[in-house]
Amino acid sequence: MLIVLALVAAVAIGLALHFTVPLRPTRGVALAPLLEAAIAAVIYTSLTWLGLAESNPWLWVASILIPAAVTALVILVVSRARAVHDERERARIKIA
């Protein structure tokens, strides 16, 4: 049942990442929190299946830090790709 605590923390971190990573207008507000929660759920579940107890601090460290790093990287890449694509489209249709 403690997975809910990990998922709530992941969503909160995902929201914080959405507002702190640049190029915010190029992505949806739900992308970072949903991605963060999905990665945290997979990591938390996998580590508990591998035998880590809920009292083990490594379970919590991995469930919080790894999803935050992966999510930050993914939303940065997605945002930059979107910005480049939008700029190419503006040049192609000559509106900027």
C-alpha atoms as a PDB file:
ATOM      1  CA  MET A   1       0.000   0.000   0.000  1.00  0.00           C
ATOM      2  CA  LEU A   2       2.976   2.309   0.417  1.00  0.00           C
ATOM      3  CA  ILE A   3       3.286   2.442  -3.359  1.00  0.00           C
ATOM      4  CA  VAL A   4       0.602   5.139  -3.233  1.00  0.00           C
ATOM      5  CA  LEU A   5       2.975   7.339  -1.244  1.00  0.00           C
ATOM      6  CA  ALA A   6       5.689   6.813  -3.856  1.00  0.00           C
ATOM      7  CA  LEU A   7       3.242   7.645  -6.658  1.00  0.00           C
ATOM      8  CA  VAL A   8       1.994  10.817  -4.970  1.00  0.00           C
ATOM      9  CA  ALA A   9       5.597  11.953  -4.507  1.00  0.00           C
ATOM     10  CA  ALA A  10       6.313  11.112  -8.149  1.00  0.00           C
ATOM     11  CA  VAL A  11       3.361  13.171  -9.404  1.00  0.00           C
ATOM     12  CA  ALA A  12       4.443  16.126  -7.247  1.00  0.00           C
ATOM     13  CA  ILE A  13       7.997  15.911  -8.577  1.00  0.00           C
ATOM     14  CA  GLY A  14       6.648  15.599 -12.115  1.00  0.00           C
ATOM     15  CA  LEU A  15       4.624  18.781 -11.676  1.00  0.00           C
ATOM     16  CA  ALA A  16       7.680  20.572 -10.323  1.00  0.00           C
ATOM     17  CA  LEU A  17       9.694  19.392 -13.316  1.00  0.00           C
ATOM     18  CA  HIS A  18       7.036  20.624 -15.713  1.00  0.00           C
ATOM     19  CA  PHE A  19       7.296  24.132 -14.295  1.00  0.00           C
ATOM     20  CA  THR A  20      11.107  24.226 -13.968  1.00  0.00           C
ATOM     21  CA  VAL A  21      12.317  22.651 -17.223  1.00  0.00           C
ATOM     22  CA  PRO A  22      12.481  25.222 -20.037  1.00  0.00           C
ATOM     23  CA  LEU A  23      10.194  25.350 -23.079  1.00  0.00           C
ATOM     24  CA  ARG A  24       7.047  24.694 -21.052  1.00  0.00           C
ATOM     25  CA  PRO A  25       4.619  25.841 -23.794  1.00  0.00           C
ATOM     26  CA  THR A  26       5.825  23.064 -26.110  1.00  0.00           C
ATOM     27  CA  ARG A  27       4.456  20.203 -24.000  1.00  0.00           C
ATOM     28  CA  GLY A  28       1.280  19.320 -22.168  1.00  0.00           C
ATOM     29  CA  VAL A  29       0.958  19.824 -18.446  1.00  0.00           C
ATOM     30  CA  ALA A  30       0.174  16.128 -17.867  1.00  0.00           C
ATOM     31  CA  LEU A  31       3.236  14.694 -19.625  1.00  0.00           C
ATOM     32  CA  ALA A  32       5.783  15.051 -16.828  1.00  0.00           C
ATOM     33  CA  PRO A  33       3.570  13.899 -13.911  1.00  0.00           C
ATOM     34  CA  LEU A  34       2.212  10.903 -15.830  1.00  0.00           C
ATOM     35  CA  LEU A  35       5.629   9.827 -17.057  1.00  0.00           C
ATOM     36  CA  GLU A  36       7.134  10.263 -13.605  1.00  0.00           C
ATOM     37  CA  ALA A  37       4.361   8.213 -11.957  1.00  0.00           C
ATOM     38  CA  ALA A  38       4.603   5.424 -14.535  1.00  0.00           C
ATOM     39  CA  ILE A  39       8.361   5.086 -14.146  1.00  0.00           C
ATOM     40  CA  ALA A  40       8.123   5.231 -10.353  1.00  0.00           C
ATOM     41  CA  ALA A  41       5.442   2.525 -10.326  1.00  0.00           C
ATOM     42  CA  VAL A  42       7.554   0.210 -12.483  1.00  0.00           C
ATOM     43  CA  ILE A  43      10.677   0.747 -10.384  1.00  0.00           C
ATOM     44  CA  TYR A  44       8.882   0.408  -7.044  1.00  0.00           C
ATOM     45  CA  THR A  45       7.057  -2.728  -8.130  1.00  0.00           C
ATOM     46  CA  SER A  46      10.152  -4.293  -9.667  1.00  0.00           C
ATOM     47  CA  LEU A  47      12.268  -3.684  -6.600  1.00  0.00           C
ATOM     48  CA  THR A  48       9.654  -5.096  -4.244  1.00  0.00           C
ATOM     49  CA  TRP A  49       9.358  -8.187  -6.443  1.00  0.00           C
ATOM     50  CA  LEU A  50      13.149  -8.518  -6.274  1.00  0.00           C
ATOM     51  CA  GLY A  51      12.884  -8.679  -2.501  1.00  0.00           C
ATOM     52  CA  LEU A  52      13.497  -5.163  -1.202  1.00  0.00           C
ATOM     53  CA  ALA A  53      11.296  -4.458   1.786  1.00  0.00           C
ATOM     54  CA  GLU A  54       9.267  -1.277   2.054  1.00  0.00           C
ATOM     55  CA  SER A  55      11.479  -0.270   4.978  1.00  0.00           C
ATOM     56  CA  ASN A  56      14.594  -0.386   2.794  1.00  0.00           C
ATOM     57  CA  PRO A  57      15.777   3.153   1.994  1.00  0.00           C
ATOM     58  CA  TRP A  58      17.185   2.090  -1.394  1.00  0.00           C
ATOM     59  CA  LEU A  59      13.664   1.295  -2.562  1.00  0.00           C
ATOM     60  CA  TRP A  60      12.593   4.860  -1.842  1.00  0.00           C
ATOM     61  CA  VAL A  61      15.747   6.485  -3.199  1.00  0.00           C
ATOM     62  CA  ALA A  62      15.462   4.557  -6.461  1.00  0.00           C
ATOM     63  CA  SER A  63      11.713   5.191  -6.712  1.00  0.00           C
ATOM     64  CA  ILE A  64      12.210   8.936  -6.391  1.00  0.00           C
ATOM     65  CA  LEU A  65      15.554   9.785  -8.006  1.00  0.00           C
ATOM     66  CA  ILE A  66      15.579   7.542 -11.083  1.00  0.00           C
ATOM     67  CA  PRO A  67      12.124   8.622 -12.332  1.00  0.00           C
ATOM     68  CA  ALA A  68      13.005  12.278 -11.720  1.00  0.00           C
ATOM     69  CA  ALA A  69      16.196  12.024 -13.767  1.00  0.00           C
ATOM     70  CA  VAL A  70      14.555  10.085 -16.605  1.00  0.00           C
ATOM     71  CA  THR A  71      11.533  12.380 -16.716  1.00  0.00           C
ATOM     72  CA  ALA A  72      13.668  15.526 -16.764  1.00  0.00           C
ATOM     73  CA  LEU A  73      15.693  14.150 -19.656  1.00  0.00           C
ATOM     74  CA  VAL A  74      12.647  12.995 -21.629  1.00  0.00           C
ATOM     75  CA  ILE A  75      10.678  16.219 -21.294  1.00  0.00           C
ATOM     76  CA  LEU A  76      13.753  18.253 -22.211  1.00  0.00           C
ATOM     77  CA  VAL A  77      14.279  16.174 -25.363  1.00  0.00           C
ATOM     78  CA  VAL A  78      10.584  16.267 -26.268  1.00  0.00           C
ATOM     79  CA  SER A  79      10.381  20.018 -25.723  1.00  0.00           C
ATOM     80  CA  ARG A  80      13.436  20.742 -27.840  1.00  0.00           C
ATOM     81  CA  ALA A  81      12.245  18.425 -30.609  1.00  0.00           C
ATOM     82  CA  ARG A  82       8.875  20.155 -30.612  1.00  0.00           C
ATOM     83  CA  ALA A  83      10.464  23.612 -30.730  1.00  0.00           C
ATOM     84  CA  VAL A  84      12.678  22.618 -33.671  1.00  0.00           C
ATOM     85  CA  HIS A  85       9.735  21.043 -35.488  1.00  0.00           C
ATOM     86  CA  ASP A  86       7.544  24.105 -34.933  1.00  0.00           C
ATOM     87  CA  GLU A  87      10.290  26.389 -36.240  1.00  0.00           C
ATOM     88  CA  ARG A  88      10.711  24.256 -39.371  1.00  0.00           C
ATOM     89  CA  GLU A  89       6.972  24.279 -39.970  1.00  0.00           C
ATOM     90  CA  ARG A  90       6.829  28.062 -39.599  1.00  0.00           C
ATOM     91  CA  ALA A  91       9.645  28.406 -42.132  1.00  0.00           C
ATOM     92  CA  ARG A  92       8.001  25.914 -44.486  1.00  0.00           C
ATOM     93  CA  ILE A  93       4.665  27.696 -44.543  1.00  0.00           C
ATOM     94  CA  LYS A  94       6.334  31.133 -44.291  1.00  0.00           C
ATOM     95  CA  ILE A  95       4.513  32.534 -41.249  1.00  0.00           C
ATOM     96  CA  ALA A  96       7.299  33.906 -39.090  1.00  0.00           C
END
